[in-house]
Amino acid sequence: MISTETISRLNADPMLRRWGRLLDADILVDVGGAATRIVVRDGQILRASEGPFVMPSCTVALHAEPEAWARFMAPAPTPGYQDLMALVRRGALRVEGDLRPFMQHLFWFKFLFARLREFAP
């Protein structure tokens, strides 16, 4: 899901650095059973590992429906699929785990996936 080059580009982004400077989290992104674990320390992505995982440990888990996630990650998402919170409101995304770091760094999460959308092939 996330290449080493993409991680370098994301870590170099000044907005992500500023918004995530106090974020320490292990994030599990699960899209229809295909999981990716993203390790973040001080707002910097250290690594991203592809699943499957046996009992993954994470701070925050994002569970999305594949169709909704594909529409969310499209270059120009349609209304209702343009934002993480819009997906939550539609019931297409569940956020589980410790919600405090997720809500405290909501701009970081939103901007991370917006940037990933730009880097998508």
PDB file of N, CA and C in Angstrom:
ATOM      1  N   MET A   1       0.824  -1.205   0.000  1.00  0.00           N
ATOM      2  CA  MET A   1       0.000   0.000   0.000  1.00  0.00           C
ATOM      3  C   MET A   1       0.861   1.259   0.000  1.00  0.00           C
ATOM      4  N   ILE A   2       1.862   1.310   0.876  1.00  0.00           N
ATOM      5  CA  ILE A   2       2.689   2.512   0.976  1.00  0.00           C
ATOM      6  C   ILE A   2       4.148   2.128   0.750  1.00  0.00           C
ATOM      7  N   SER A   3       4.736   2.658  -0.306  1.00  0.00           N
ATOM      8  CA  SER A   3       6.132   2.341  -0.618  1.00  0.00           C
ATOM      9  C   SER A   3       7.079   3.182   0.240  1.00  0.00           C
ATOM     10  N   THR A   4       8.351   2.773   0.249  1.00  0.00           N
ATOM     11  CA  THR A   4       9.374   3.502   0.999  1.00  0.00           C
ATOM     12  C   THR A   4       9.527   4.917   0.445  1.00  0.00           C
ATOM     13  N   GLU A   5       9.451   5.060  -0.866  1.00  0.00           N
ATOM     14  CA  GLU A   5       9.548   6.388  -1.493  1.00  0.00           C
ATOM     15  C   GLU A   5       8.387   7.279  -1.054  1.00  0.00           C
ATOM     16  N   THR A   6       7.188   6.712  -0.995  1.00  0.00           N
ATOM     17  CA  THR A   6       6.020   7.484  -0.568  1.00  0.00           C
ATOM     18  C   THR A   6       6.160   7.899   0.885  1.00  0.00           C
ATOM     19  N   ILE A   7       6.675   7.004   1.726  1.00  0.00           N
ATOM     20  CA  ILE A   7       6.891   7.345   3.137  1.00  0.00           C
ATOM     21  C   ILE A   7       7.861   8.510   3.243  1.00  0.00           C
ATOM     22  N   SER A   8       8.934   8.490   2.462  1.00  0.00           N
ATOM     23  CA  SER A   8       9.907   9.599   2.471  1.00  0.00           C
ATOM     24  C   SER A   8       9.255  10.907   2.056  1.00  0.00           C
ATOM     25  N   ARG A   9       8.422  10.860   1.024  1.00  0.00           N
ATOM     26  CA  ARG A   9       7.742  12.081   0.563  1.00  0.00           C
ATOM     27  C   ARG A   9       6.763  12.586   1.610  1.00  0.00           C
ATOM     28  N   LEU A  10       6.059  11.678   2.268  1.00  0.00           N
ATOM     29  CA  LEU A  10       5.119  12.085   3.316  1.00  0.00           C
ATOM     30  C   LEU A  10       5.861  12.688   4.505  1.00  0.00           C
ATOM     31  N   ASN A  11       6.960  12.080   4.917  1.00  0.00           N
ATOM     32  CA  ASN A  11       7.725  12.585   6.049  1.00  0.00           C
ATOM     33  C   ASN A  11       8.369  13.935   5.761  1.00  0.00           C
ATOM     34  N   ALA A  12       8.579  14.247   4.494  1.00  0.00           N
ATOM     35  CA  ALA A  12       9.165  15.533   4.114  1.00  0.00           C
ATOM     36  C   ALA A  12       8.122  16.648   4.034  1.00  0.00           C
ATOM     37  N   ASP A  13       6.855  16.305   4.108  1.00  0.00           N
ATOM     38  CA  ASP A  13       5.789  17.300   3.974  1.00  0.00           C
ATOM     39  C   ASP A  13       5.704  18.166   5.234  1.00  0.00           C
ATOM     40  N   PRO A  14       5.872  19.483   5.115  1.00  0.00           N
ATOM     41  CA  PRO A  14       5.874  20.346   6.305  1.00  0.00           C
ATOM     42  C   PRO A  14       4.532  20.364   7.052  1.00  0.00           C
ATOM     43  N   MET A  15       3.420  20.223   6.348  1.00  0.00           N
ATOM     44  CA  MET A  15       2.116  20.231   7.022  1.00  0.00           C
ATOM     45  C   MET A  15       1.956  18.985   7.896  1.00  0.00           C
ATOM     46  N   LEU A  16       2.323  17.825   7.348  1.00  0.00           N
ATOM     47  CA  LEU A  16       2.232  16.601   8.141  1.00  0.00           C
ATOM     48  C   LEU A  16       3.175  16.653   9.336  1.00  0.00           C
ATOM     49  N   ARG A  17       4.358  17.203   9.144  1.00  0.00           N
ATOM     50  CA  ARG A  17       5.304  17.327  10.262  1.00  0.00           C
ATOM     51  C   ARG A  17       4.738  18.221  11.359  1.00  0.00           C
ATOM     52  N   ARG A  18       4.137  19.329  10.972  1.00  0.00           N
ATOM     53  CA  ARG A  18       3.600  20.266  11.961  1.00  0.00           C
ATOM     54  C   ARG A  18       2.388  19.684  12.683  1.00  0.00           C
ATOM     55  N   TRP A  19       1.442  19.114  11.936  1.00  0.00           N
ATOM     56  CA  TRP A  19       0.217  18.604  12.549  1.00  0.00           C
ATOM     57  C   TRP A  19       0.451  17.337  13.355  1.00  0.00           C
ATOM     58  N   GLY A  20       1.486  16.584  13.031  1.00  0.00           N
ATOM     59  CA  GLY A  20       1.703  15.323  13.721  1.00  0.00           C
ATOM     60  C   GLY A  20       2.874  15.304  14.666  1.00  0.00           C
ATOM     61  N   ARG A  21       3.428  16.453  14.984  1.00  0.00           N
ATOM     62  CA  ARG A  21       4.670  16.480  15.745  1.00  0.00           C
ATOM     63  C   ARG A  21       4.568  15.789  17.105  1.00  0.00           C
ATOM     64  N   LEU A  22       3.373  15.644  17.668  1.00  0.00           N
ATOM     65  CA  LEU A  22       3.202  14.980  18.957  1.00  0.00           C
ATOM     66  C   LEU A  22       2.482  13.635  18.839  1.00  0.00           C
ATOM     67  N   LEU A  23       2.326  13.142  17.625  1.00  0.00           N
ATOM     68  CA  LEU A  23       1.584  11.903  17.408  1.00  0.00           C
ATOM     69  C   LEU A  23       2.507  10.692  17.483  1.00  0.00           C
ATOM     70  N   ASP A  24       2.178   9.788  18.401  1.00  0.00           N
ATOM     71  CA  ASP A  24       2.813   8.473  18.497  1.00  0.00           C
ATOM     72  C   ASP A  24       1.687   7.455  18.424  1.00  0.00           C
ATOM     73  N   ALA A  25       1.635   6.691  17.357  1.00  0.00           N
ATOM     74  CA  ALA A  25       0.528   5.739  17.194  1.00  0.00           C
ATOM     75  C   ALA A  25       0.920   4.619  16.242  1.00  0.00           C
ATOM     76  N   ASP A  26       0.297   3.478  16.475  1.00  0.00           N
ATOM     77  CA  ASP A  26       0.340   2.365  15.535  1.00  0.00           C
ATOM     78  C   ASP A  26      -1.046   2.306  14.917  1.00  0.00           C
ATOM     79  N   ILE A  27      -1.131   2.547  13.617  1.00  0.00           N
ATOM     80  CA  ILE A  27      -2.412   2.690  12.933  1.00  0.00           C
ATOM     81  C   ILE A  27      -2.631   1.460  12.052  1.00  0.00           C
ATOM     82  N   LEU A  28      -3.776   0.833  12.229  1.00  0.00           N
ATOM     83  CA  LEU A  28      -4.154  -0.293  11.390  1.00  0.00           C
ATOM     84  C   LEU A  28      -5.214   0.185  10.412  1.00  0.00           C
ATOM     85  N   VAL A  29      -4.931   0.068   9.120  1.00  0.00           N
ATOM     86  CA  VAL A  29      -5.896   0.426   8.086  1.00  0.00           C
ATOM     87  C   VAL A  29      -6.342  -0.890   7.445  1.00  0.00           C
ATOM     88  N   ASP A  30      -7.605  -1.239   7.666  1.00  0.00           N
ATOM     89  CA  ASP A  30      -8.151  -2.504   7.191  1.00  0.00           C
ATOM     90  C   ASP A  30      -9.245  -2.206   6.174  1.00  0.00           C
ATOM     91  N   VAL A  31      -8.979  -2.560   4.928  1.00  0.00           N
ATOM     92  CA  VAL A  31      -9.949  -2.342   3.847  1.00  0.00           C
ATOM     93  C   VAL A  31     -10.392  -3.704   3.339  1.00  0.00           C
ATOM     94  N   GLY A  32     -11.558  -4.127   3.770  1.00  0.00           N
ATOM     95  CA  GLY A  32     -12.101  -5.412   3.327  1.00  0.00           C
ATOM     96  C   GLY A  32     -11.214  -6.602   3.634  1.00  0.00           C
ATOM     97  N   GLY A  33     -10.524  -6.572   4.752  1.00  0.00           N
ATOM     98  CA  GLY A  33      -9.659  -7.682   5.133  1.00  0.00           C
ATOM     99  C   GLY A  33      -8.209  -7.516   4.727  1.00  0.00           C
ATOM    100  N   ALA A  34      -7.902  -6.589   3.833  1.00  0.00           N
ATOM    101  CA  ALA A  34      -6.518  -6.283   3.453  1.00  0.00           C
ATOM    102  C   ALA A  34      -6.010  -5.215   4.411  1.00  0.00           C
ATOM    103  N   ALA A  35      -5.080  -5.607   5.285  1.00  0.00           N
ATOM    104  CA  ALA A  35      -4.648  -4.704   6.351  1.00  0.00           C
ATOM    105  C   ALA A  35      -3.240  -4.164   6.118  1.00  0.00           C
ATOM    106  N   THR A  36      -3.041  -2.939   6.561  1.00  0.00           N
ATOM    107  CA  THR A  36      -1.734  -2.296   6.565  1.00  0.00           C
ATOM    108  C   THR A  36      -1.545  -1.675   7.937  1.00  0.00           C
ATOM    109  N   ARG A  37      -0.383  -1.887   8.524  1.00  0.00           N
ATOM    110  CA  ARG A  37      -0.068  -1.307   9.832  1.00  0.00           C
ATOM    111  C   ARG A  37       0.972  -0.215   9.618  1.00  0.00           C
ATOM    112  N   ILE A  38       0.640   0.995  10.070  1.00  0.00           N
ATOM    113  CA  ILE A  38       1.510   2.158   9.906  1.00  0.00           C
ATOM    114  C   ILE A  38       2.008   2.567  11.288  1.00  0.00           C
ATOM    115  N   VAL A  39       3.328   2.598  11.459  1.00  0.00           N
ATOM    116  CA  VAL A  39       3.931   2.977  12.734  1.00  0.00           C
ATOM    117  C   VAL A  39       4.377   4.431  12.628  1.00  0.00           C
ATOM    118  N   VAL A  40       3.856   5.258  13.528  1.00  0.00           N
ATOM    119  CA  VAL A  40       4.137   6.697  13.513  1.00  0.00           C
ATOM    120  C   VAL A  40       4.734   7.098  14.857  1.00  0.00           C
ATOM    121  N   ARG A  41       5.852   7.801  14.825  1.00  0.00           N
ATOM    122  CA  ARG A  41       6.469   8.351  16.026  1.00  0.00           C
ATOM    123  C   ARG A  41       6.805   9.805  15.763  1.00  0.00           C
ATOM    124  N   ASP A  42       6.362  10.672  16.659  1.00  0.00           N
ATOM    125  CA  ASP A  42       6.570  12.120  16.523  1.00  0.00           C
ATOM    126  C   ASP A  42       6.100  12.623  15.159  1.00  0.00           C
ATOM    127  N   GLY A  43       5.023  12.047  14.658  1.00  0.00           N
ATOM    128  CA  GLY A  43       4.445  12.472  13.396  1.00  0.00           C
ATOM    129  C   GLY A  43       5.160  11.968  12.164  1.00  0.00           C
ATOM    130  N   GLN A  44       6.222  11.204  12.347  1.00  0.00           N
ATOM    131  CA  GLN A  44       6.983  10.656  11.224  1.00  0.00           C
ATOM    132  C   GLN A  44       6.611   9.192  11.040  1.00  0.00           C
ATOM    133  N   ILE A  45       6.339   8.798   9.814  1.00  0.00           N
ATOM    134  CA  ILE A  45       6.020   7.408   9.525  1.00  0.00           C
ATOM    135  C   ILE A  45       7.322   6.618   9.502  1.00  0.00           C
ATOM    136  N   LEU A  46       7.449   5.677  10.434  1.00  0.00           N
ATOM    137  CA  LEU A  46       8.659   4.860  10.483  1.00  0.00           C
ATOM    138  C   LEU A  46       8.599   3.710   9.494  1.00  0.00           C
ATOM    139  N   ARG A  47       7.424   3.067   9.419  1.00  0.00           N
ATOM    140  CA  ARG A  47       7.284   1.957   8.483  1.00  0.00           C
ATOM    141  C   ARG A  47       5.809   1.661   8.256  1.00  0.00           C
ATOM    142  N   ALA A  48       5.548   0.987   7.164  1.00  0.00           N
ATOM    143  CA  ALA A  48       4.208   0.506   6.841  1.00  0.00           C
ATOM    144  C   ALA A  48       4.353  -0.953   6.439  1.00  0.00           C
ATOM    145  N   SER A  49       3.616  -1.815   7.128  1.00  0.00           N
ATOM    146  CA  SER A  49       3.702  -3.256   6.893  1.00  0.00           C
ATOM    147  C   SER A  49       2.378  -3.768   6.364  1.00  0.00           C
ATOM    148  N   GLU A  50       2.462  -4.624   5.349  1.00  0.00           N
ATOM    149  CA  GLU A  50       1.269  -5.249   4.784  1.00  0.00           C
ATOM    150  C   GLU A  50       0.884  -6.463   5.611  1.00  0.00           C
ATOM    151  N   GLY A  51      -0.418  -6.696   5.751  1.00  0.00           N
ATOM    152  CA  GLY A  51      -0.932  -7.867   6.461  1.00  0.00           C
ATOM    153  C   GLY A  51      -0.863  -9.087   5.579  1.00  0.00           C
ATOM    154  N   PRO A  52      -1.425 -10.177   5.948  1.00  0.00           N
ATOM    155  CA  PRO A  52      -2.318 -10.339   7.102  1.00  0.00           C
ATOM    156  C   PRO A  52      -1.530 -10.411   8.403  1.00  0.00           C
ATOM    157  N   PHE A  53      -2.187 -10.006   9.480  1.00  0.00           N
ATOM    158  CA  PHE A  53      -1.600 -10.015  10.810  1.00  0.00           C
ATOM    159  C   PHE A  53      -2.397 -10.966  11.692  1.00  0.00           C
ATOM    160  N   VAL A  54      -1.698 -11.624  12.590  1.00  0.00           N
ATOM    161  CA  VAL A  54      -2.365 -12.456  13.582  1.00  0.00           C
ATOM    162  C   VAL A  54      -2.419 -11.636  14.865  1.00  0.00           C
ATOM    163  N   MET A  55      -3.564 -11.178  15.242  1.00  0.00           N
ATOM    164  CA  MET A  55      -3.748 -10.355  16.441  1.00  0.00           C
ATOM    165  C   MET A  55      -2.881  -9.091  16.415  1.00  0.00           C
ATOM    166  N   PRO A  56      -3.111  -8.199  15.474  1.00  0.00           N
ATOM    167  CA  PRO A  56      -2.287  -6.988  15.383  1.00  0.00           C
ATOM    168  C   PRO A  56      -2.525  -6.061  16.574  1.00  0.00           C
ATOM    169  N   SER A  57      -1.462  -5.448  17.018  1.00  0.00           N
ATOM    170  CA  SER A  57      -1.547  -4.455  18.087  1.00  0.00           C
ATOM    171  C   SER A  57      -1.571  -3.072  17.437  1.00  0.00           C
ATOM    172  N   CYS A  58      -2.512  -2.245  17.846  1.00  0.00           N
ATOM    173  CA  CYS A  58      -2.587  -0.906  17.260  1.00  0.00           C
ATOM    174  C   CYS A  58      -3.206   0.066  18.254  1.00  0.00           C
ATOM    175  N   THR A  59      -2.908   1.335  18.043  1.00  0.00           N
ATOM    176  CA  THR A  59      -3.512   2.396  18.837  1.00  0.00           C
ATOM    177  C   THR A  59      -4.874   2.736  18.267  1.00  0.00           C
ATOM    178  N   VAL A  60      -4.936   2.897  16.952  1.00  0.00           N
ATOM    179  CA  VAL A  60      -6.166   3.252  16.247  1.00  0.00           C
ATOM    180  C   VAL A  60      -6.324   2.304  15.060  1.00  0.00           C
ATOM    181  N   ALA A  61      -7.531   1.819  14.862  1.00  0.00           N
ATOM    182  CA  ALA A  61      -7.821   0.962  13.713  1.00  0.00           C
ATOM    183  C   ALA A  61      -8.908   1.615  12.865  1.00  0.00           C
ATOM    184  N   LEU A  62      -8.661   1.681  11.571  1.00  0.00           N
ATOM    185  CA  LEU A  62      -9.639   2.199  10.617  1.00  0.00           C
ATOM    186  C   LEU A  62     -10.099   1.019   9.759  1.00  0.00           C
ATOM    187  N   HIS A  63     -11.362   0.663   9.874  1.00  0.00           N
ATOM    188  CA  HIS A  63     -11.933  -0.451   9.116  1.00  0.00           C
ATOM    189  C   HIS A  63     -12.886   0.131   8.072  1.00  0.00           C
ATOM    190  N   ALA A  64     -12.569  -0.085   6.795  1.00  0.00           N
ATOM    191  CA  ALA A  64     -13.369   0.498   5.721  1.00  0.00           C
ATOM    192  C   ALA A  64     -13.913  -0.567   4.792  1.00  0.00           C
ATOM    193  N   GLU A  65     -15.057  -0.255   4.207  1.00  0.00           N
ATOM    194  CA  GLU A  65     -15.622  -1.110   3.159  1.00  0.00           C
ATOM    195  C   GLU A  65     -14.839  -0.856   1.869  1.00  0.00           C
ATOM    196  N   PRO A  66     -14.509  -1.909   1.116  1.00  0.00           N
ATOM    197  CA  PRO A  66     -13.671  -1.746  -0.086  1.00  0.00           C
ATOM    198  C   PRO A  66     -14.232  -0.760  -1.111  1.00  0.00           C
ATOM    199  N   GLU A  67     -15.522  -0.848  -1.400  1.00  0.00           N
ATOM    200  CA  GLU A  67     -16.110   0.054  -2.397  1.00  0.00           C
ATOM    201  C   GLU A  67     -16.028   1.513  -1.951  1.00  0.00           C
ATOM    202  N   ALA A  68     -16.354   1.760  -0.691  1.00  0.00           N
ATOM    203  CA  ALA A  68     -16.304   3.134  -0.172  1.00  0.00           C
ATOM    204  C   ALA A  68     -14.867   3.646  -0.152  1.00  0.00           C
ATOM    205  N   TRP A  69     -13.902   2.769   0.217  1.00  0.00           N
ATOM    206  CA  TRP A  69     -12.501   3.194   0.267  1.00  0.00           C
ATOM    207  C   TRP A  69     -11.988   3.529  -1.134  1.00  0.00           C
ATOM    208  N   ALA A  70     -12.385   2.733  -2.112  1.00  0.00           N
ATOM    209  CA  ALA A  70     -11.974   3.005  -3.500  1.00  0.00           C
ATOM    210  C   ALA A  70     -12.515   4.361  -3.953  1.00  0.00           C
ATOM    211  N   ARG A  71     -13.743   4.669  -3.589  1.00  0.00           N
ATOM    212  CA  ARG A  71     -14.314   5.973  -3.953  1.00  0.00           C
ATOM    213  C   ARG A  71     -13.619   7.097  -3.193  1.00  0.00           C
ATOM    214  N   PHE A  72     -13.243   6.846  -1.936  1.00  0.00           N
ATOM    215  CA  PHE A  72     -12.529   7.831  -1.117  1.00  0.00           C
ATOM    216  C   PHE A  72     -11.144   8.123  -1.687  1.00  0.00           C
ATOM    217  N   MET A  73     -10.457   7.084  -2.174  1.00  0.00           N
ATOM    218  CA  MET A  73      -9.100   7.246  -2.685  1.00  0.00           C
ATOM    219  C   MET A  73      -9.056   7.649  -4.158  1.00  0.00           C
ATOM    220  N   ALA A  74     -10.197   7.839  -4.782  1.00  0.00           N
ATOM    221  CA  ALA A  74     -10.236   8.293  -6.180  1.00  0.00           C
ATOM    222  C   ALA A  74      -9.605   9.698  -6.275  1.00  0.00           C
ATOM    223  N   PRO A  75      -9.022  10.041  -7.434  1.00  0.00           N
ATOM    224  CA  PRO A  75      -8.389  11.366  -7.580  1.00  0.00           C
ATOM    225  C   PRO A  75      -9.326  12.534  -7.257  1.00  0.00           C
ATOM    226  N   ALA A  76     -10.595  12.405  -7.618  1.00  0.00           N
ATOM    227  CA  ALA A  76     -11.579  13.461  -7.301  1.00  0.00           C
ATOM    228  C   ALA A  76     -12.806  12.776  -6.684  1.00  0.00           C
ATOM    229  N   PRO A  77     -12.748  12.515  -5.362  1.00  0.00           N
ATOM    230  CA  PRO A  77     -13.855  11.786  -4.736  1.00  0.00           C
ATOM    231  C   PRO A  77     -15.163  12.565  -4.785  1.00  0.00           C
ATOM    232  N   THR A  78     -16.255  11.837  -4.910  1.00  0.00           N
ATOM    233  CA  THR A  78     -17.574  12.452  -4.946  1.00  0.00           C
ATOM    234  C   THR A  78     -17.976  12.887  -3.542  1.00  0.00           C
ATOM    235  N   PRO A  79     -18.931  13.823  -3.441  1.00  0.00           N
ATOM    236  CA  PRO A  79     -19.396  14.250  -2.118  1.00  0.00           C
ATOM    237  C   PRO A  79     -19.888  13.056  -1.296  1.00  0.00           C
ATOM    238  N   GLY A  80     -19.515  13.067  -0.031  1.00  0.00           N
ATOM    239  CA  GLY A  80     -19.847  11.968   0.857  1.00  0.00           C
ATOM    240  C   GLY A  80     -18.731  10.950   0.959  1.00  0.00           C
ATOM    241  N   TYR A  81     -17.756  11.039   0.052  1.00  0.00           N
ATOM    242  CA  TYR A  81     -16.614  10.128   0.051  1.00  0.00           C
ATOM    243  C   TYR A  81     -15.293  10.902   0.051  1.00  0.00           C
ATOM    244  N   GLN A  82     -15.344  12.199   0.280  1.00  0.00           N
ATOM    245  CA  GLN A  82     -14.166  13.044   0.165  1.00  0.00           C
ATOM    246  C   GLN A  82     -13.388  13.171   1.471  1.00  0.00           C
ATOM    247  N   ASP A  83     -13.932  12.632   2.580  1.00  0.00           N
ATOM    248  CA  ASP A  83     -13.357  12.911   3.888  1.00  0.00           C
ATOM    249  C   ASP A  83     -13.546  11.698   4.799  1.00  0.00           C
ATOM    250  N   LEU A  84     -12.602  11.489   5.716  1.00  0.00           N
ATOM    251  CA  LEU A  84     -12.722  10.381   6.655  1.00  0.00           C
ATOM    252  C   LEU A  84     -14.007  10.475   7.482  1.00  0.00           C
ATOM    253  N   MET A  85     -14.331  11.656   7.958  1.00  0.00           N
ATOM    254  CA  MET A  85     -15.518  11.812   8.800  1.00  0.00           C
ATOM    255  C   MET A  85     -16.797  11.618   7.983  1.00  0.00           C
ATOM    256  N   ALA A  86     -16.763  11.927   6.701  1.00  0.00           N
ATOM    257  CA  ALA A  86     -17.923  11.658   5.838  1.00  0.00           C
ATOM    258  C   ALA A  86     -18.139  10.152   5.713  1.00  0.00           C
ATOM    259  N   LEU A  87     -17.035   9.386   5.633  1.00  0.00           N
ATOM    260  CA  LEU A  87     -17.152   7.935   5.579  1.00  0.00           C
ATOM    261  C   LEU A  87     -17.705   7.381   6.893  1.00  0.00           C
ATOM    262  N   VAL A  88     -17.277   7.959   8.001  1.00  0.00           N
ATOM    263  CA  VAL A  88     -17.798   7.545   9.305  1.00  0.00           C
ATOM    264  C   VAL A  88     -19.297   7.820   9.368  1.00  0.00           C
ATOM    265  N   ARG A  89     -19.689   8.998   8.937  1.00  0.00           N
ATOM    266  CA  ARG A  89     -21.106   9.374   8.954  1.00  0.00           C
ATOM    267  C   ARG A  89     -21.947   8.439   8.078  1.00  0.00           C
ATOM    268  N   ARG A  90     -21.406   7.977   6.958  1.00  0.00           N
ATOM    269  CA  ARG A  90     -22.117   7.054   6.061  1.00  0.00           C
ATOM    270  C   ARG A  90     -22.124   5.623   6.594  1.00  0.00           C
ATOM    271  N   GLY A  91     -21.291   5.345   7.593  1.00  0.00           N
ATOM    272  CA  GLY A  91     -21.185   3.990   8.110  1.00  0.00           C
ATOM    273  C   GLY A  91     -20.240   3.124   7.307  1.00  0.00           C
ATOM    274  N   ALA A  92     -19.456   3.727   6.424  1.00  0.00           N
ATOM    275  CA  ALA A  92     -18.529   2.985   5.571  1.00  0.00           C
ATOM    276  C   ALA A  92     -17.145   2.867   6.205  1.00  0.00           C
ATOM    277  N   LEU A  93     -16.918   3.570   7.317  1.00  0.00           N
ATOM    278  CA  LEU A  93     -15.636   3.532   8.023  1.00  0.00           C
ATOM    279  C   LEU A  93     -15.908   3.455   9.519  1.00  0.00           C
ATOM    280  N   ARG A  94     -15.245   2.500  10.170  1.00  0.00           N
ATOM    281  CA  ARG A  94     -15.303   2.398  11.628  1.00  0.00           C
ATOM    282  C   ARG A  94     -13.936   2.760  12.176  1.00  0.00           C
ATOM    283  N   VAL A  95     -13.917   3.633  13.167  1.00  0.00           N
ATOM    284  CA  VAL A  95     -12.683   3.994  13.846  1.00  0.00           C
ATOM    285  C   VAL A  95     -12.740   3.340  15.217  1.00  0.00           C
ATOM    286  N   GLU A  96     -11.758   2.500  15.515  1.00  0.00           N
ATOM    287  CA  GLU A  96     -11.739   1.756  16.767  1.00  0.00           C
ATOM    288  C   GLU A  96     -10.423   1.975  17.484  1.00  0.00           C
ATOM    289  N   GLY A  97     -10.423   1.697  18.772  1.00  0.00           N
ATOM    290  CA  GLY A  97      -9.212   1.828  19.574  1.00  0.00           C
ATOM    291  C   GLY A  97      -9.256   3.105  20.379  1.00  0.00           C
ATOM    292  N   ASP A  98      -8.087   3.678  20.599  1.00  0.00           N
ATOM    293  CA  ASP A  98      -7.964   4.912  21.373  1.00  0.00           C
ATOM    294  C   ASP A  98      -8.303   6.094  20.459  1.00  0.00           C
ATOM    295  N   LEU A  99      -9.479   6.646  20.639  1.00  0.00           N
ATOM    296  CA  LEU A  99      -9.922   7.742  19.763  1.00  0.00           C
ATOM    297  C   LEU A  99      -9.246   9.075  20.091  1.00  0.00           C
ATOM    298  N   ARG A 100      -8.659   9.179  21.263  1.00  0.00           N
ATOM    299  CA  ARG A 100      -8.029  10.448  21.661  1.00  0.00           C
ATOM    300  C   ARG A 100      -6.946  10.890  20.674  1.00  0.00           C
ATOM    301  N   PRO A 101      -5.942  10.056  20.350  1.00  0.00           N
ATOM    302  CA  PRO A 101      -4.935  10.524  19.376  1.00  0.00           C
ATOM    303  C   PRO A 101      -5.531  10.759  17.994  1.00  0.00           C
ATOM    304  N   PHE A 102      -6.549   9.976  17.628  1.00  0.00           N
ATOM    305  CA  PHE A 102      -7.184  10.176  16.326  1.00  0.00           C
ATOM    306  C   PHE A 102      -7.846  11.553  16.263  1.00  0.00           C
ATOM    307  N   MET A 103      -8.604  11.903  17.285  1.00  0.00           N
ATOM    308  CA  MET A 103      -9.299  13.193  17.277  1.00  0.00           C
ATOM    309  C   MET A 103      -8.328  14.358  17.499  1.00  0.00           C
ATOM    310  N   GLN A 104      -7.319  14.162  18.337  1.00  0.00           N
ATOM    311  CA  GLN A 104      -6.338  15.223  18.567  1.00  0.00           C
ATOM    312  C   GLN A 104      -5.544  15.550  17.305  1.00  0.00           C
ATOM    313  N   HIS A 105      -5.353  14.562  16.467  1.00  0.00           N
ATOM    314  CA  HIS A 105      -4.548  14.735  15.254  1.00  0.00           C
ATOM    315  C   HIS A 105      -5.382  14.481  13.999  1.00  0.00           C
ATOM    316  N   LEU A 106      -6.643  14.861  14.059  1.00  0.00           N
ATOM    317  CA  LEU A 106      -7.554  14.597  12.949  1.00  0.00           C
ATOM    318  C   LEU A 106      -7.066  15.223  11.650  1.00  0.00           C
ATOM    319  N   PHE A 107      -6.537  16.442  11.697  1.00  0.00           N
ATOM    320  CA  PHE A 107      -6.015  17.066  10.480  1.00  0.00           C
ATOM    321  C   PHE A 107      -4.879  16.233   9.899  1.00  0.00           C
ATOM    322  N   TRP A 108      -4.025  15.671  10.758  1.00  0.00           N
ATOM    323  CA  TRP A 108      -2.922  14.840  10.280  1.00  0.00           C
ATOM    324  C   TRP A 108      -3.472  13.636   9.523  1.00  0.00           C
ATOM    325  N   PHE A 109      -4.460  12.939  10.110  1.00  0.00           N
ATOM    326  CA  PHE A 109      -5.048  11.772   9.460  1.00  0.00           C
ATOM    327  C   PHE A 109      -5.697  12.151   8.129  1.00  0.00           C
ATOM    328  N   LYS A 110      -6.453  13.236   8.130  1.00  0.00           N
ATOM    329  CA  LYS A 110      -7.121  13.667   6.894  1.00  0.00           C
ATOM    330  C   LYS A 110      -6.102  14.014   5.813  1.00  0.00           C
ATOM    331  N   PHE A 111      -5.069  14.755   6.189  1.00  0.00           N
ATOM    332  CA  PHE A 111      -4.069  15.186   5.224  1.00  0.00           C
ATOM    333  C   PHE A 111      -3.228  14.002   4.748  1.00  0.00           C
ATOM    334  N   LEU A 112      -2.944  13.040   5.644  1.00  0.00           N
ATOM    335  CA  LEU A 112      -2.190  11.850   5.251  1.00  0.00           C
ATOM    336  C   LEU A 112      -2.884  11.130   4.106  1.00  0.00           C
ATOM    337  N   PHE A 113      -4.180  10.884   4.261  1.00  0.00           N
ATOM    338  CA  PHE A 113      -4.884  10.135   3.217  1.00  0.00           C
ATOM    339  C   PHE A 113      -5.120  10.988   1.972  1.00  0.00           C
ATOM    340  N   ALA A 114      -5.240  12.293   2.134  1.00  0.00           N
ATOM    341  CA  ALA A 114      -5.333  13.169   0.958  1.00  0.00           C
ATOM    342  C   ALA A 114      -4.032  13.113   0.164  1.00  0.00           C
ATOM    343  N   ARG A 115      -2.893  13.114   0.857  1.00  0.00           N
ATOM    344  CA  ARG A 115      -1.593  13.022   0.183  1.00  0.00           C
ATOM    345  C   ARG A 115      -1.417  11.645  -0.469  1.00  0.00           C
ATOM    346  N   LEU A 116      -1.855  10.591   0.225  1.00  0.00           N
ATOM    347  CA  LEU A 116      -1.768   9.249  -0.363  1.00  0.00           C
ATOM    348  C   LEU A 116      -2.616   9.159  -1.624  1.00  0.00           C
ATOM    349  N   ARG A 117      -3.719   9.854  -1.622  1.00  0.00           N
ATOM    350  CA  ARG A 117      -4.582   9.894  -2.812  1.00  0.00           C
ATOM    351  C   ARG A 117      -3.818  10.512  -3.978  1.00  0.00           C
ATOM    352  N   GLU A 118      -3.032  11.549  -3.720  1.00  0.00           N
ATOM    353  CA  GLU A 118      -2.252  12.215  -4.766  1.00  0.00           C
ATOM    354  C   GLU A 118      -1.134  11.315  -5.293  1.00  0.00           C
ATOM    355  N   PHE A 119      -0.553  10.490  -4.396  1.00  0.00           N
ATOM    356  CA  PHE A 119       0.570   9.634  -4.792  1.00  0.00           C
ATOM    357  C   PHE A 119       0.126   8.327  -5.404  1.00  0.00           C
ATOM    358  N   ALA A 120      -1.156   8.034  -5.380  1.00  0.00           N
ATOM    359  CA  ALA A 120      -1.662   6.757  -5.900  1.00  0.00           C
ATOM    360  C   ALA A 120      -1.367   6.621  -7.394  1.00  0.00           C
ATOM    361  N   PRO A 121      -1.056   5.390  -7.834  1.00  0.00           N
ATOM    362  CA  PRO A 121      -0.745   5.208  -9.269  1.00  0.00           C
ATOM    363  C   PRO A 121      -1.961   5.375 -10.155  1.00  0.00           C
TER     364      PRO A 121
END
